[in-house]
């Protein structure tokens, strides 16, 4: 066996054993299809499903996420089939929810204060891998890190 074949076999075995390997594979596939290299990328900096929020009243059944990038902040609440949030970005106008295949699942315009409400379509299952895209009038776009509903 060639060294490259051995390395690929070891890598395949490691991915099959790793928890979340499907997430890694889905994000990897979506990167191949990523066509907007000029878009900003917002990192997930907090997720109430992973760590409870200190000093915050209970959000009940809601899940709270926070994303940041240069000059952009997105606070998101997931509750009862809705994604409600606040986009803090200059000239932000529209938000869209996309799946790992790049399909747009839902879109919404931001109000004058930056608030939005996206209703999840019934075909979107709990645990689906998604991301938000925030765009402005000039066509600039910022994508969040991938997250599971």
N, C-alpha and C. Protein backbone atom coordinates (compact mmCIF):
# COMPACT_ATOMS: atom_id res chain seq x y z
N UNK A 1 0.84 -1.18 0.00
CA UNK A 1 0.00 0.00 0.00
C UNK A 1 0.88 1.25 0.00
N UNK A 2 0.44 2.26 -0.75
CA UNK A 2 1.16 3.52 -0.82
C UNK A 2 0.95 4.31 0.47
N UNK A 3 1.93 5.16 0.85
CA UNK A 3 1.76 5.97 2.08
C UNK A 3 0.49 6.83 2.07
N UNK A 4 0.13 7.39 0.90
CA UNK A 4 -1.08 8.21 0.82
C UNK A 4 -2.33 7.38 1.10
N UNK A 5 -2.37 6.15 0.61
CA UNK A 5 -3.51 5.28 0.85
C UNK A 5 -3.62 4.92 2.33
N UNK A 6 -2.49 4.69 2.96
CA UNK A 6 -2.48 4.39 4.41
C UNK A 6 -3.01 5.60 5.18
N UNK A 7 -2.51 6.80 4.83
CA UNK A 7 -2.95 8.01 5.51
C UNK A 7 -4.45 8.24 5.32
N UNK A 8 -4.94 8.06 4.10
CA UNK A 8 -6.37 8.23 3.85
C UNK A 8 -7.20 7.20 4.61
N UNK A 9 -6.71 5.98 4.71
CA UNK A 9 -7.41 4.95 5.48
C UNK A 9 -7.46 5.30 6.95
N UNK A 10 -6.35 5.80 7.51
CA UNK A 10 -6.32 6.21 8.91
C UNK A 10 -7.26 7.39 9.16
N UNK A 11 -7.27 8.35 8.23
CA UNK A 11 -8.14 9.51 8.36
C UNK A 11 -9.61 9.09 8.31
N UNK A 12 -9.94 8.21 7.40
CA UNK A 12 -11.31 7.72 7.28
C UNK A 12 -11.75 7.01 8.56
N UNK A 13 -10.88 6.17 9.10
CA UNK A 13 -11.21 5.46 10.34
C UNK A 13 -11.41 6.44 11.50
N UNK A 14 -10.56 7.47 11.57
CA UNK A 14 -10.69 8.46 12.65
C UNK A 14 -12.00 9.23 12.54
N UNK A 15 -12.37 9.63 11.34
CA UNK A 15 -13.63 10.36 11.16
C UNK A 15 -14.83 9.50 11.47
N UNK A 16 -14.76 8.22 11.14
CA UNK A 16 -15.87 7.32 11.44
C UNK A 16 -16.05 7.12 12.94
N UNK A 17 -14.96 7.20 13.68
CA UNK A 17 -15.02 7.01 15.13
C UNK A 17 -15.37 8.28 15.87
N UNK A 18 -15.05 9.42 15.29
CA UNK A 18 -15.23 10.69 15.98
C UNK A 18 -16.71 11.03 16.15
N UNK A 19 -17.05 11.54 17.33
CA UNK A 19 -18.42 12.01 17.50
C UNK A 19 -18.57 13.29 16.71
N UNK A 20 -19.71 13.46 16.09
CA UNK A 20 -19.93 14.65 15.28
C UNK A 20 -19.29 14.58 13.91
N UNK A 21 -18.85 13.39 13.50
CA UNK A 21 -18.19 13.26 12.20
C UNK A 21 -19.13 13.68 11.07
N UNK A 22 -20.41 13.46 11.23
CA UNK A 22 -21.35 13.88 10.19
C UNK A 22 -21.38 15.40 10.06
N UNK A 23 -21.26 16.11 11.19
CA UNK A 23 -21.20 17.57 11.14
C UNK A 23 -19.96 18.01 10.38
N UNK A 24 -18.84 17.40 10.68
CA UNK A 24 -17.58 17.75 10.02
C UNK A 24 -17.71 17.51 8.52
N UNK A 25 -18.26 16.38 8.14
CA UNK A 25 -18.42 16.05 6.73
C UNK A 25 -19.37 17.03 6.05
N UNK A 26 -20.48 17.37 6.70
CA UNK A 26 -21.46 18.29 6.10
C UNK A 26 -20.86 19.68 5.91
N UNK A 27 -20.14 20.16 6.91
CA UNK A 27 -19.50 21.47 6.79
C UNK A 27 -18.43 21.42 5.70
N UNK A 28 -17.68 20.34 5.64
CA UNK A 28 -16.67 20.19 4.60
C UNK A 28 -17.27 20.22 3.21
N UNK A 29 -18.37 19.50 3.03
CA UNK A 29 -19.04 19.51 1.72
C UNK A 29 -19.54 20.90 1.38
N UNK A 30 -20.06 21.62 2.37
CA UNK A 30 -20.58 22.95 2.09
C UNK A 30 -19.46 23.93 1.74
N UNK A 31 -18.26 23.70 2.29
CA UNK A 31 -17.14 24.58 1.95
C UNK A 31 -16.75 24.44 0.49
N UNK A 32 -16.86 23.25 -0.06
CA UNK A 32 -16.55 23.07 -1.48
C UNK A 32 -17.52 23.88 -2.33
N UNK A 33 -18.75 24.05 -1.87
CA UNK A 33 -19.76 24.77 -2.63
C UNK A 33 -19.78 26.27 -2.30
N UNK A 34 -18.96 26.69 -1.35
CA UNK A 34 -18.95 28.08 -0.91
C UNK A 34 -18.41 28.95 -2.04
N UNK A 35 -19.18 29.91 -2.49
CA UNK A 35 -18.77 30.69 -3.65
C UNK A 35 -18.53 32.16 -3.32
N UNK A 36 -18.73 32.58 -2.12
CA UNK A 36 -18.60 33.98 -1.77
C UNK A 36 -17.42 34.19 -0.82
N UNK A 37 -16.22 34.22 -1.40
CA UNK A 37 -15.02 34.35 -0.58
C UNK A 37 -14.91 35.72 0.06
N UNK A 38 -15.69 36.70 -0.41
CA UNK A 38 -15.64 38.04 0.17
C UNK A 38 -16.56 38.20 1.37
N UNK A 39 -17.41 37.23 1.63
CA UNK A 39 -18.34 37.33 2.75
C UNK A 39 -17.59 37.24 4.07
N UNK A 40 -18.11 37.94 5.07
CA UNK A 40 -17.55 37.85 6.40
C UNK A 40 -18.04 36.59 7.10
N UNK A 41 -17.29 36.14 8.07
CA UNK A 41 -17.67 34.96 8.83
C UNK A 41 -17.79 35.32 10.31
N UNK A 42 -18.96 35.09 10.87
CA UNK A 42 -19.22 35.41 12.28
C UNK A 42 -19.07 34.16 13.12
N UNK A 43 -18.23 34.26 14.14
CA UNK A 43 -17.98 33.13 15.04
C UNK A 43 -19.09 33.00 16.07
N UNK A 44 -19.38 31.77 16.44
CA UNK A 44 -20.30 31.50 17.54
C UNK A 44 -19.51 31.69 18.84
N UNK A 45 -19.92 32.68 19.65
CA UNK A 45 -19.17 32.94 20.88
C UNK A 45 -19.91 32.47 22.13
N UNK A 46 -21.22 32.23 22.01
CA UNK A 46 -21.93 31.63 23.15
C UNK A 46 -23.17 30.90 22.66
N UNK A 47 -23.47 29.80 23.36
CA UNK A 47 -24.63 28.96 23.04
C UNK A 47 -25.17 28.44 24.36
N UNK A 48 -26.39 28.83 24.70
CA UNK A 48 -26.95 28.42 25.99
C UNK A 48 -27.18 26.91 26.08
N UNK A 49 -27.17 26.20 24.95
CA UNK A 49 -27.31 24.74 24.99
C UNK A 49 -26.03 24.09 25.47
N UNK A 50 -24.91 24.81 25.35
CA UNK A 50 -23.61 24.27 25.74
C UNK A 50 -23.21 24.75 27.12
N UNK A 51 -23.43 26.04 27.36
CA UNK A 51 -23.08 26.61 28.65
C UNK A 51 -24.18 27.56 29.10
N UNK A 52 -24.62 27.41 30.35
CA UNK A 52 -25.66 28.31 30.83
C UNK A 52 -25.15 29.75 30.87
N UNK A 53 -26.05 30.69 30.67
CA UNK A 53 -25.67 32.09 30.67
C UNK A 53 -25.57 32.60 32.11
N UNK A 54 -24.42 33.13 32.46
CA UNK A 54 -24.21 33.65 33.80
C UNK A 54 -24.86 35.01 33.94
N UNK A 55 -25.54 35.23 35.05
CA UNK A 55 -26.14 36.52 35.33
C UNK A 55 -27.35 36.85 34.49
N UNK A 56 -27.94 35.86 33.84
CA UNK A 56 -29.10 36.09 32.99
C UNK A 56 -30.26 35.27 33.54
N UNK A 57 -31.44 35.87 33.56
CA UNK A 57 -32.61 35.11 33.98
C UNK A 57 -32.81 33.92 33.07
N UNK A 58 -33.48 32.93 33.56
CA UNK A 58 -33.71 31.74 32.74
C UNK A 58 -34.45 32.10 31.47
N UNK A 59 -33.98 31.52 30.36
CA UNK A 59 -34.63 31.76 29.07
C UNK A 59 -35.73 30.74 28.84
N UNK A 60 -36.03 29.92 29.85
CA UNK A 60 -37.07 28.91 29.69
C UNK A 60 -36.62 27.87 28.69
N UNK A 61 -37.47 27.58 27.73
CA UNK A 61 -37.14 26.59 26.72
C UNK A 61 -36.35 27.18 25.55
N UNK A 62 -36.14 28.48 25.54
CA UNK A 62 -35.44 29.13 24.44
C UNK A 62 -33.95 28.80 24.50
N UNK A 63 -33.37 28.71 23.32
CA UNK A 63 -31.92 28.55 23.20
C UNK A 63 -31.38 29.87 22.68
N UNK A 64 -30.34 30.38 23.31
CA UNK A 64 -29.77 31.67 22.95
C UNK A 64 -28.38 31.47 22.38
N UNK A 65 -28.12 32.10 21.23
CA UNK A 65 -26.82 32.03 20.58
C UNK A 65 -26.34 33.45 20.29
N UNK A 66 -25.03 33.62 20.28
CA UNK A 66 -24.44 34.93 19.96
C UNK A 66 -23.29 34.71 18.99
N UNK A 67 -23.30 35.49 17.91
CA UNK A 67 -22.27 35.43 16.88
C UNK A 67 -21.63 36.81 16.74
N UNK A 68 -20.32 36.84 16.46
CA UNK A 68 -19.66 38.12 16.21
C UNK A 68 -18.65 37.98 15.08
N UNK A 69 -18.48 39.09 14.38
CA UNK A 69 -17.47 39.25 13.34
C UNK A 69 -17.06 40.72 13.38
N UNK A 70 -16.14 41.12 12.53
CA UNK A 70 -15.72 42.52 12.50
C UNK A 70 -16.91 43.42 12.19
N UNK A 71 -17.31 44.23 13.16
CA UNK A 71 -18.39 45.18 12.97
C UNK A 71 -19.78 44.58 12.91
N UNK A 72 -19.92 43.29 13.22
CA UNK A 72 -21.22 42.62 13.14
C UNK A 72 -21.45 41.80 14.41
N UNK A 73 -22.66 41.89 14.92
CA UNK A 73 -23.08 41.04 16.03
C UNK A 73 -24.47 40.52 15.76
N UNK A 74 -24.71 39.26 16.06
CA UNK A 74 -26.03 38.67 15.88
C UNK A 74 -26.39 37.91 17.15
N UNK A 75 -27.47 38.33 17.79
CA UNK A 75 -28.02 37.61 18.93
C UNK A 75 -29.24 36.86 18.42
N UNK A 76 -29.34 35.59 18.77
CA UNK A 76 -30.38 34.74 18.21
C UNK A 76 -31.05 33.93 19.31
N UNK A 77 -32.38 33.84 19.24
CA UNK A 77 -33.18 33.01 20.14
C UNK A 77 -33.93 32.00 19.29
N UNK A 78 -33.82 30.73 19.66
CA UNK A 78 -34.55 29.67 18.96
C UNK A 78 -35.63 29.16 19.90
N UNK A 79 -36.90 29.29 19.48
CA UNK A 79 -38.01 28.90 20.34
C UNK A 79 -39.25 28.63 19.49
N UNK A 80 -39.88 27.50 19.70
CA UNK A 80 -41.17 27.17 19.08
C UNK A 80 -41.21 27.38 17.56
N UNK A 81 -40.21 26.87 16.87
CA UNK A 81 -40.21 26.95 15.42
C UNK A 81 -39.88 28.32 14.85
N UNK A 82 -39.35 29.20 15.68
CA UNK A 82 -38.97 30.53 15.23
C UNK A 82 -37.52 30.82 15.61
N UNK A 83 -36.87 31.58 14.78
CA UNK A 83 -35.57 32.15 15.10
C UNK A 83 -35.78 33.65 15.16
N UNK A 84 -35.70 34.18 16.37
CA UNK A 84 -35.87 35.62 16.55
C UNK A 84 -34.51 36.18 16.92
N UNK A 85 -34.20 37.34 16.38
CA UNK A 85 -32.89 37.86 16.68
C UNK A 85 -32.74 39.34 16.46
N UNK A 86 -31.53 39.79 16.80
CA UNK A 86 -31.14 41.18 16.65
C UNK A 86 -29.80 41.19 15.94
N UNK A 87 -29.75 41.88 14.81
CA UNK A 87 -28.52 42.03 14.05
C UNK A 87 -27.96 43.42 14.31
N UNK A 88 -26.75 43.45 14.79
CA UNK A 88 -26.08 44.72 15.04
C UNK A 88 -25.00 44.89 13.98
N UNK A 89 -25.35 45.60 12.92
CA UNK A 89 -24.44 45.81 11.80
C UNK A 89 -24.91 47.03 11.02
N UNK A 90 -23.95 47.80 10.54
CA UNK A 90 -24.29 48.98 9.76
C UNK A 90 -25.00 48.56 8.47
N UNK A 91 -26.12 49.19 8.20
CA UNK A 91 -26.87 48.99 6.96
C UNK A 91 -27.40 47.58 6.73
N UNK A 92 -27.43 46.73 7.74
CA UNK A 92 -27.97 45.37 7.56
C UNK A 92 -29.44 45.48 7.20
N UNK A 93 -29.86 44.69 6.21
CA UNK A 93 -31.23 44.78 5.72
C UNK A 93 -31.99 43.46 5.76
N UNK A 94 -31.30 42.36 5.54
CA UNK A 94 -31.98 41.07 5.33
C UNK A 94 -31.18 39.95 5.97
N UNK A 95 -31.91 38.94 6.45
CA UNK A 95 -31.28 37.75 7.00
C UNK A 95 -31.89 36.53 6.31
N UNK A 96 -31.05 35.53 6.07
CA UNK A 96 -31.56 34.29 5.47
C UNK A 96 -30.97 33.10 6.23
N UNK A 97 -31.77 32.06 6.31
CA UNK A 97 -31.36 30.81 6.95
C UNK A 97 -31.11 29.80 5.84
N UNK A 98 -29.93 29.18 5.84
CA UNK A 98 -29.57 28.21 4.81
C UNK A 98 -29.19 26.88 5.44
N UNK A 99 -29.42 25.81 4.70
CA UNK A 99 -29.02 24.48 5.17
C UNK A 99 -27.64 24.12 4.62
N UNK A 100 -27.15 22.95 5.00
CA UNK A 100 -25.80 22.53 4.63
C UNK A 100 -25.64 22.32 3.13
N UNK A 101 -26.74 22.13 2.42
CA UNK A 101 -26.69 21.98 0.96
C UNK A 101 -26.70 23.33 0.25
N UNK A 102 -26.84 24.41 1.01
CA UNK A 102 -26.88 25.75 0.43
C UNK A 102 -28.26 26.24 0.08
N UNK A 103 -29.28 25.45 0.37
CA UNK A 103 -30.66 25.86 0.07
C UNK A 103 -31.13 26.88 1.10
N UNK A 104 -31.84 27.90 0.62
CA UNK A 104 -32.42 28.90 1.52
C UNK A 104 -33.68 28.34 2.13
N UNK A 105 -33.73 28.31 3.46
CA UNK A 105 -34.88 27.77 4.18
C UNK A 105 -35.90 28.84 4.54
N UNK A 106 -35.40 30.05 4.85
CA UNK A 106 -36.29 31.15 5.24
C UNK A 106 -35.53 32.46 5.11
N UNK A 107 -36.26 33.54 4.86
CA UNK A 107 -35.66 34.88 4.79
C UNK A 107 -36.56 35.86 5.52
N UNK A 108 -35.95 36.94 5.97
CA UNK A 108 -36.72 38.00 6.63
C UNK A 108 -35.97 39.31 6.49
N UNK A 109 -36.74 40.40 6.39
CA UNK A 109 -36.16 41.74 6.42
C UNK A 109 -36.00 42.16 7.87
N UNK A 110 -34.96 42.94 8.14
CA UNK A 110 -34.77 43.49 9.47
C UNK A 110 -35.62 44.74 9.62
N UNK A 111 -36.14 44.96 10.83
CA UNK A 111 -36.86 46.21 11.05
C UNK A 111 -35.85 47.33 11.28
N UNK A 112 -36.33 48.53 11.54
CA UNK A 112 -35.46 49.70 11.68
C UNK A 112 -34.45 49.57 12.82
N UNK A 113 -34.77 48.74 13.81
CA UNK A 113 -33.86 48.54 14.94
C UNK A 113 -32.95 47.34 14.77
N UNK A 114 -33.14 46.56 13.70
CA UNK A 114 -32.29 45.40 13.47
C UNK A 114 -32.89 44.07 13.90
N UNK A 115 -34.14 44.07 14.34
CA UNK A 115 -34.80 42.84 14.78
C UNK A 115 -35.34 42.06 13.59
N UNK A 116 -35.35 40.74 13.73
CA UNK A 116 -35.93 39.87 12.70
C UNK A 116 -36.60 38.67 13.34
N UNK A 117 -37.49 38.03 12.59
CA UNK A 117 -38.20 36.83 13.03
C UNK A 117 -38.32 35.89 11.84
N UNK A 118 -37.70 34.73 11.93
CA UNK A 118 -37.76 33.73 10.87
C UNK A 118 -38.59 32.55 11.35
N UNK A 119 -39.62 32.23 10.60
CA UNK A 119 -40.41 31.03 10.91
C UNK A 119 -39.77 29.85 10.18
N UNK A 120 -39.50 28.78 10.91
CA UNK A 120 -38.92 27.60 10.29
C UNK A 120 -39.97 26.85 9.49
N UNK A 121 -39.65 26.48 8.25
CA UNK A 121 -40.60 25.67 7.48
C UNK A 121 -40.78 24.31 8.13
N UNK A 122 -41.94 23.69 7.98
CA UNK A 122 -42.20 22.40 8.62
C UNK A 122 -41.21 21.30 8.20
N UNK A 123 -40.62 21.42 7.01
CA UNK A 123 -39.71 20.37 6.54
C UNK A 123 -38.35 20.40 7.24
N UNK A 124 -38.07 21.46 8.00
CA UNK A 124 -36.79 21.56 8.70
C UNK A 124 -36.90 20.80 10.01
N UNK A 125 -36.07 19.79 10.16
CA UNK A 125 -36.14 18.94 11.35
C UNK A 125 -35.29 19.50 12.48
N UNK A 126 -35.68 19.18 13.72
CA UNK A 126 -34.84 19.56 14.85
C UNK A 126 -33.46 18.92 14.67
N UNK A 127 -32.43 19.66 15.00
CA UNK A 127 -31.08 19.15 14.85
C UNK A 127 -30.47 19.40 13.47
N UNK A 128 -31.22 20.06 12.58
CA UNK A 128 -30.69 20.36 11.24
C UNK A 128 -29.49 21.29 11.35
N UNK A 129 -28.50 21.09 10.49
CA UNK A 129 -27.30 21.91 10.43
C UNK A 129 -27.60 23.12 9.55
N UNK A 130 -27.49 24.33 10.11
CA UNK A 130 -27.86 25.55 9.41
C UNK A 130 -26.87 26.67 9.71
N UNK A 131 -27.04 27.77 8.97
CA UNK A 131 -26.32 29.01 9.27
C UNK A 131 -27.15 30.18 8.81
N UNK A 132 -26.88 31.35 9.37
CA UNK A 132 -27.56 32.58 8.99
C UNK A 132 -26.66 33.43 8.10
N UNK A 133 -27.27 34.08 7.12
CA UNK A 133 -26.57 35.06 6.29
C UNK A 133 -27.20 36.41 6.47
N UNK A 134 -26.38 37.41 6.71
CA UNK A 134 -26.85 38.77 6.93
C UNK A 134 -26.34 39.62 5.76
N UNK A 135 -27.23 40.33 5.08
CA UNK A 135 -26.80 41.13 3.93
C UNK A 135 -27.25 42.58 4.08
N UNK A 136 -26.53 43.47 3.38
CA UNK A 136 -26.88 44.88 3.40
C UNK A 136 -27.23 45.35 1.99
N UNK A 137 -27.58 46.63 1.86
CA UNK A 137 -27.99 47.17 0.56
C UNK A 137 -26.87 47.16 -0.47
N UNK A 138 -25.63 47.19 -0.04
CA UNK A 138 -24.49 47.21 -0.96
C UNK A 138 -24.13 45.81 -1.45
N UNK A 139 -24.84 44.79 -0.94
CA UNK A 139 -24.56 43.42 -1.35
C UNK A 139 -23.52 42.71 -0.50
N UNK A 140 -23.03 43.37 0.55
CA UNK A 140 -22.09 42.72 1.47
C UNK A 140 -22.82 41.67 2.28
N UNK A 141 -22.14 40.60 2.60
CA UNK A 141 -22.78 39.52 3.34
C UNK A 141 -21.86 38.99 4.43
N UNK A 142 -22.47 38.63 5.54
CA UNK A 142 -21.76 37.97 6.65
C UNK A 142 -22.52 36.70 6.96
N UNK A 143 -21.80 35.59 7.05
CA UNK A 143 -22.38 34.29 7.39
C UNK A 143 -21.97 33.92 8.80
N UNK A 144 -22.89 33.31 9.53
CA UNK A 144 -22.55 32.81 10.86
C UNK A 144 -21.84 31.47 10.73
N UNK A 145 -21.24 31.06 11.81
CA UNK A 145 -20.73 29.69 11.89
C UNK A 145 -21.93 28.74 11.82
N UNK A 146 -21.68 27.52 11.41
CA UNK A 146 -22.75 26.50 11.36
C UNK A 146 -23.21 26.16 12.75
N UNK A 147 -24.49 25.89 12.90
CA UNK A 147 -25.04 25.47 14.18
C UNK A 147 -26.20 24.53 13.93
N UNK A 148 -26.52 23.73 14.94
CA UNK A 148 -27.65 22.81 14.86
C UNK A 148 -28.85 23.43 15.53
N UNK A 149 -30.01 23.26 14.91
CA UNK A 149 -31.26 23.76 15.50
C UNK A 149 -31.64 22.93 16.70
